[in-house]
């Protein structure tokens, strides 16, 4: 998708503070962090949101979650934990129409979120 900011980040057309990349996914620090540790993990394949996934995405989704956990540990969050969030559509708080996992950590996070 040519007008998707996350597709452009994944392709290297827009700079980001990438912390991981392979042929299927990319992870980078959020430009507007809501916690001391706040990064995103995205599939390079454009999937608009979590409600558009199918059985054939199962393996990819699992790898995205595993990578989010691994990176959180690498960034020092294993002992106190982290929050992993997938927003979906307008009422779910999704602001970029490309599936992504937020990883937030480094401070206590309240529930429910605001």
N, C-alpha and C. Protein backbone atom coordinates (compact mmCIF):
# COMPACT_ATOMS: atom_id res chain seq x y z
N UNK A 1 0.86 -1.18 0.00
CA UNK A 1 0.00 0.00 0.00
C UNK A 1 0.90 1.23 0.00
N UNK A 2 0.81 2.06 -1.01
CA UNK A 2 1.75 3.15 -1.21
C UNK A 2 1.56 4.33 -0.28
N UNK A 3 0.37 4.54 0.28
CA UNK A 3 0.16 5.70 1.14
C UNK A 3 0.18 5.35 2.63
N UNK A 4 0.56 4.15 2.98
CA UNK A 4 0.59 3.71 4.37
C UNK A 4 1.94 4.06 5.00
N UNK A 5 1.91 4.83 6.07
CA UNK A 5 3.15 5.26 6.71
C UNK A 5 3.96 4.08 7.24
N UNK A 6 3.30 3.04 7.76
CA UNK A 6 4.04 1.89 8.27
C UNK A 6 4.64 1.06 7.14
N UNK A 7 3.96 0.98 6.01
CA UNK A 7 4.56 0.31 4.85
C UNK A 7 5.80 1.07 4.40
N UNK A 8 5.74 2.39 4.42
CA UNK A 8 6.89 3.20 4.03
C UNK A 8 8.04 3.05 5.02
N UNK A 9 7.73 2.95 6.31
CA UNK A 9 8.78 2.70 7.31
C UNK A 9 9.40 1.33 7.06
N UNK A 10 8.57 0.32 6.83
CA UNK A 10 9.06 -1.03 6.60
C UNK A 10 9.96 -1.09 5.37
N UNK A 11 9.66 -0.30 4.35
CA UNK A 11 10.45 -0.28 3.12
C UNK A 11 11.66 0.64 3.21
N UNK A 12 11.80 1.37 4.33
CA UNK A 12 12.93 2.28 4.49
C UNK A 12 12.75 3.62 3.81
N UNK A 13 11.54 3.90 3.34
CA UNK A 13 11.27 5.18 2.68
C UNK A 13 11.13 6.32 3.68
N UNK A 14 10.73 5.99 4.90
CA UNK A 14 10.61 6.96 5.98
C UNK A 14 11.53 6.49 7.10
N UNK A 15 12.39 7.37 7.61
CA UNK A 15 13.30 6.96 8.67
C UNK A 15 12.57 6.65 9.97
N UNK A 16 13.14 5.72 10.73
CA UNK A 16 12.61 5.37 12.04
C UNK A 16 13.76 4.87 12.89
N UNK A 17 13.51 4.77 14.18
CA UNK A 17 14.51 4.19 15.09
C UNK A 17 14.22 2.69 15.19
N UNK A 18 14.62 1.96 14.14
CA UNK A 18 14.36 0.52 14.10
C UNK A 18 15.19 -0.19 15.16
N UNK A 19 14.54 -1.16 15.80
CA UNK A 19 15.25 -2.00 16.76
C UNK A 19 15.31 -3.45 16.28
N UNK A 20 14.56 -3.77 15.23
CA UNK A 20 14.60 -5.11 14.67
C UNK A 20 14.00 -5.07 13.27
N UNK A 21 14.52 -5.95 12.41
CA UNK A 21 13.94 -6.10 11.08
C UNK A 21 14.35 -7.45 10.51
N UNK A 22 13.40 -8.10 9.86
CA UNK A 22 13.69 -9.29 9.07
C UNK A 22 12.78 -9.24 7.84
N UNK A 23 12.67 -10.34 7.13
CA UNK A 23 11.89 -10.32 5.88
C UNK A 23 10.39 -10.19 6.10
N UNK A 24 9.90 -10.51 7.31
CA UNK A 24 8.46 -10.48 7.59
C UNK A 24 7.99 -9.32 8.45
N UNK A 25 8.89 -8.74 9.24
CA UNK A 25 8.45 -7.75 10.22
C UNK A 25 9.51 -6.70 10.48
N UNK A 26 9.06 -5.63 11.13
CA UNK A 26 9.97 -4.58 11.59
C UNK A 26 9.48 -4.12 12.96
N UNK A 27 10.42 -3.66 13.77
CA UNK A 27 10.08 -3.09 15.08
C UNK A 27 10.85 -1.79 15.22
N UNK A 28 10.17 -0.78 15.75
CA UNK A 28 10.79 0.53 15.87
C UNK A 28 10.17 1.28 17.03
N UNK A 29 10.92 2.24 17.57
CA UNK A 29 10.44 3.05 18.68
C UNK A 29 9.30 3.96 18.21
N UNK A 30 8.30 4.12 19.06
CA UNK A 30 7.17 5.00 18.77
C UNK A 30 7.64 6.45 18.74
N UNK A 31 7.15 7.23 17.79
CA UNK A 31 7.56 8.64 17.68
C UNK A 31 6.95 9.51 18.77
N UNK A 32 5.91 9.00 19.42
CA UNK A 32 5.25 9.73 20.50
C UNK A 32 5.08 8.77 21.68
N UNK A 33 6.19 8.43 22.34
CA UNK A 33 6.13 7.39 23.38
C UNK A 33 5.23 7.76 24.55
N UNK A 34 4.48 6.75 25.00
CA UNK A 34 3.58 6.91 26.13
C UNK A 34 4.13 6.26 27.39
N UNK A 35 5.34 5.74 27.31
CA UNK A 35 6.03 5.11 28.44
C UNK A 35 7.52 5.18 28.12
N UNK A 36 8.37 4.99 29.14
CA UNK A 36 9.82 5.02 28.88
C UNK A 36 10.26 4.03 27.81
N UNK A 37 9.63 2.88 27.75
CA UNK A 37 9.84 1.93 26.66
C UNK A 37 8.53 1.87 25.89
N UNK A 38 8.56 2.22 24.61
CA UNK A 38 7.37 2.17 23.77
C UNK A 38 7.82 1.94 22.34
N UNK A 39 7.59 0.74 21.86
CA UNK A 39 7.94 0.44 20.48
C UNK A 39 6.78 -0.31 19.82
N UNK A 40 6.86 -0.38 18.50
CA UNK A 40 5.84 -1.05 17.69
C UNK A 40 6.47 -2.22 16.95
N UNK A 41 5.71 -3.27 16.78
CA UNK A 41 6.11 -4.40 15.93
C UNK A 41 5.04 -4.51 14.85
N UNK A 42 5.48 -4.48 13.59
CA UNK A 42 4.55 -4.51 12.47
C UNK A 42 4.90 -5.62 11.49
N UNK A 43 3.89 -6.19 10.84
CA UNK A 43 4.21 -7.07 9.71
C UNK A 43 4.57 -6.20 8.51
N UNK A 44 5.49 -6.65 7.70
CA UNK A 44 5.81 -5.90 6.48
C UNK A 44 4.67 -6.01 5.47
N UNK A 45 3.97 -7.14 5.51
CA UNK A 45 2.80 -7.30 4.65
C UNK A 45 1.70 -6.38 5.18
N UNK A 46 1.07 -5.63 4.31
CA UNK A 46 0.02 -4.71 4.76
C UNK A 46 -1.24 -5.50 5.13
N UNK A 47 -1.55 -5.45 6.40
CA UNK A 47 -2.81 -5.98 6.93
C UNK A 47 -3.42 -4.81 7.67
N UNK A 48 -4.61 -4.40 7.30
CA UNK A 48 -5.20 -3.18 7.82
C UNK A 48 -5.41 -3.20 9.33
N UNK A 49 -5.94 -4.29 9.87
CA UNK A 49 -6.19 -4.36 11.32
C UNK A 49 -6.39 -5.82 11.72
N UNK A 50 -6.50 -6.05 13.00
CA UNK A 50 -6.60 -7.41 13.52
C UNK A 50 -7.87 -8.12 13.05
N UNK A 51 -8.91 -7.36 12.71
CA UNK A 51 -10.15 -7.98 12.25
C UNK A 51 -10.06 -8.47 10.80
N UNK A 52 -8.95 -8.16 10.13
CA UNK A 52 -8.76 -8.61 8.76
C UNK A 52 -7.82 -9.81 8.66
N UNK A 53 -7.42 -10.37 9.80
CA UNK A 53 -6.54 -11.53 9.74
C UNK A 53 -7.34 -12.81 9.48
N UNK A 54 -6.65 -13.80 8.93
CA UNK A 54 -7.25 -15.08 8.59
C UNK A 54 -6.36 -16.18 9.13
N UNK A 55 -6.82 -17.41 9.01
CA UNK A 55 -6.04 -18.56 9.47
C UNK A 55 -4.63 -18.58 8.89
N UNK A 56 -4.48 -18.13 7.64
CA UNK A 56 -3.15 -18.14 7.03
C UNK A 56 -2.21 -17.11 7.63
N UNK A 57 -2.71 -16.23 8.48
CA UNK A 57 -1.87 -15.25 9.19
C UNK A 57 -1.42 -15.76 10.56
N UNK A 58 -1.90 -16.91 10.99
CA UNK A 58 -1.65 -17.40 12.35
C UNK A 58 -0.17 -17.46 12.70
N UNK A 59 0.61 -18.00 11.83
CA UNK A 59 2.05 -18.14 12.09
C UNK A 59 2.72 -16.77 12.21
N UNK A 60 2.39 -15.86 11.31
CA UNK A 60 2.94 -14.51 11.35
C UNK A 60 2.55 -13.81 12.65
N UNK A 61 1.29 -13.90 13.04
CA UNK A 61 0.86 -13.26 14.28
C UNK A 61 1.61 -13.80 15.49
N UNK A 62 1.81 -15.08 15.51
CA UNK A 62 2.59 -15.68 16.60
C UNK A 62 4.01 -15.15 16.62
N UNK A 63 4.64 -15.05 15.46
CA UNK A 63 6.01 -14.52 15.41
C UNK A 63 6.07 -13.06 15.83
N UNK A 64 5.06 -12.27 15.48
CA UNK A 64 5.03 -10.86 15.91
C UNK A 64 4.99 -10.77 17.44
N UNK A 65 4.15 -11.59 18.07
CA UNK A 65 4.05 -11.57 19.53
C UNK A 65 5.33 -12.06 20.20
N UNK A 66 5.91 -13.11 19.66
CA UNK A 66 7.16 -13.62 20.22
C UNK A 66 8.25 -12.55 20.11
N UNK A 67 8.33 -11.89 18.98
CA UNK A 67 9.35 -10.84 18.80
C UNK A 67 9.10 -9.67 19.74
N UNK A 68 7.85 -9.28 19.95
CA UNK A 68 7.54 -8.20 20.88
C UNK A 68 8.03 -8.56 22.29
N UNK A 69 7.82 -9.79 22.71
CA UNK A 69 8.27 -10.23 24.03
C UNK A 69 9.80 -10.26 24.09
N UNK A 70 10.44 -10.80 23.07
CA UNK A 70 11.91 -10.86 23.05
C UNK A 70 12.53 -9.47 23.14
N UNK A 71 12.01 -8.54 22.35
CA UNK A 71 12.55 -7.18 22.35
C UNK A 71 12.32 -6.49 23.69
N UNK A 72 11.17 -6.74 24.29
CA UNK A 72 10.89 -6.16 25.62
C UNK A 72 11.91 -6.65 26.64
N UNK A 73 12.22 -7.93 26.58
CA UNK A 73 13.25 -8.47 27.49
C UNK A 73 14.60 -7.83 27.23
N UNK A 74 14.96 -7.70 25.94
CA UNK A 74 16.24 -7.08 25.58
C UNK A 74 16.32 -5.64 26.07
N UNK A 75 15.19 -4.96 26.14
CA UNK A 75 15.16 -3.57 26.58
C UNK A 75 14.99 -3.44 28.09
N UNK A 76 15.14 -4.55 28.83
CA UNK A 76 15.16 -4.52 30.28
C UNK A 76 13.83 -4.60 30.98
N UNK A 77 12.82 -5.11 30.31
CA UNK A 77 11.46 -5.11 30.87
C UNK A 77 11.02 -6.45 31.45
N UNK A 78 11.89 -7.44 31.45
CA UNK A 78 11.47 -8.78 31.85
C UNK A 78 11.05 -8.83 33.32
N UNK A 79 11.80 -8.19 34.20
CA UNK A 79 11.50 -8.31 35.63
C UNK A 79 10.16 -7.68 36.01
N UNK A 80 9.89 -6.47 35.54
CA UNK A 80 8.68 -5.77 35.97
C UNK A 80 7.52 -5.89 34.98
N UNK A 81 7.79 -6.36 33.77
CA UNK A 81 6.71 -6.60 32.83
C UNK A 81 6.47 -5.48 31.84
N UNK A 82 5.48 -5.70 30.99
CA UNK A 82 5.14 -4.77 29.92
C UNK A 82 3.69 -4.97 29.54
N UNK A 83 3.18 -4.05 28.78
CA UNK A 83 1.83 -4.17 28.21
C UNK A 83 1.97 -4.28 26.70
N UNK A 84 1.23 -5.22 26.11
CA UNK A 84 1.23 -5.41 24.66
C UNK A 84 -0.19 -5.13 24.19
N UNK A 85 -0.32 -4.20 23.24
CA UNK A 85 -1.63 -3.70 22.84
C UNK A 85 -1.78 -3.77 21.32
N UNK A 86 -2.95 -4.22 20.88
CA UNK A 86 -3.32 -4.16 19.47
C UNK A 86 -4.63 -3.37 19.40
N UNK A 87 -4.54 -2.14 18.93
CA UNK A 87 -5.74 -1.31 18.75
C UNK A 87 -6.37 -1.67 17.42
N UNK A 88 -7.71 -1.53 17.34
CA UNK A 88 -8.40 -1.90 16.11
C UNK A 88 -9.52 -0.91 15.81
N UNK A 89 -9.40 -0.27 14.68
CA UNK A 89 -10.39 0.67 14.15
C UNK A 89 -10.60 1.87 15.08
N UNK A 90 -11.53 2.71 14.72
CA UNK A 90 -11.76 3.99 15.41
C UNK A 90 -12.05 3.82 16.90
N UNK A 91 -13.01 2.99 17.25
CA UNK A 91 -13.38 2.84 18.66
C UNK A 91 -12.31 2.11 19.46
N UNK A 92 -11.44 1.37 18.80
CA UNK A 92 -10.35 0.69 19.48
C UNK A 92 -9.10 1.54 19.61
N UNK A 93 -9.14 2.75 19.06
CA UNK A 93 -8.01 3.67 19.19
C UNK A 93 -6.94 3.52 18.12
N UNK A 94 -7.22 2.80 17.04
CA UNK A 94 -6.22 2.63 15.98
C UNK A 94 -6.11 3.92 15.18
N UNK A 95 -4.89 4.45 15.07
CA UNK A 95 -4.68 5.70 14.34
C UNK A 95 -3.94 5.49 13.02
N UNK A 96 -3.29 4.35 12.85
CA UNK A 96 -2.65 4.01 11.58
C UNK A 96 -3.25 2.69 11.11
N UNK A 97 -3.82 2.69 9.91
CA UNK A 97 -4.50 1.51 9.38
C UNK A 97 -3.50 0.49 8.83
N UNK A 98 -2.70 -0.03 9.73
CA UNK A 98 -1.75 -1.11 9.44
C UNK A 98 -1.58 -1.84 10.77
N UNK A 99 -1.85 -3.12 10.78
CA UNK A 99 -1.75 -3.91 12.00
C UNK A 99 -0.42 -3.66 12.71
N UNK A 100 -0.48 -3.40 14.01
CA UNK A 100 0.75 -3.22 14.78
C UNK A 100 0.51 -3.55 16.25
N UNK A 101 1.56 -4.00 16.89
CA UNK A 101 1.54 -4.29 18.32
C UNK A 101 2.34 -3.21 19.01
N UNK A 102 1.71 -2.55 19.99
CA UNK A 102 2.44 -1.62 20.85
C UNK A 102 3.02 -2.41 22.01
N UNK A 103 4.25 -2.16 22.36
CA UNK A 103 4.86 -2.69 23.59
C UNK A 103 5.20 -1.47 24.44
N UNK A 104 4.63 -1.43 25.65
CA UNK A 104 4.84 -0.31 26.57
C UNK A 104 5.35 -0.84 27.90
N UNK A 105 6.35 -0.17 28.46
CA UNK A 105 6.92 -0.63 29.73
C UNK A 105 7.78 0.49 30.33
N UNK A 106 8.32 0.19 31.49
CA UNK A 106 9.23 1.13 32.13
C UNK A 106 8.59 2.00 33.19
N UNK A 107 7.29 1.82 33.39
CA UNK A 107 6.57 2.52 34.46
C UNK A 107 5.28 1.73 34.72
N UNK A 108 4.67 1.92 35.91
CA UNK A 108 3.38 1.27 36.13
C UNK A 108 2.32 1.80 35.16
N UNK A 109 1.56 0.93 34.57
CA UNK A 109 0.50 1.29 33.62
C UNK A 109 -0.84 1.00 34.26
N UNK A 110 -1.71 1.97 34.28
CA UNK A 110 -3.01 1.84 34.94
C UNK A 110 -3.99 1.08 34.06
N UNK A 111 -5.02 0.54 34.73
CA UNK A 111 -6.10 -0.12 34.02
C UNK A 111 -7.41 0.32 34.63
N UNK A 112 -8.41 0.67 33.87
CA UNK A 112 -8.38 0.68 32.41
C UNK A 112 -7.63 1.89 31.88
N UNK A 113 -7.14 1.78 30.65
CA UNK A 113 -6.45 2.94 30.05
C UNK A 113 -7.46 4.05 29.79
N UNK A 114 -6.99 5.26 29.65
CA UNK A 114 -7.84 6.43 29.45
C UNK A 114 -8.49 6.49 28.12
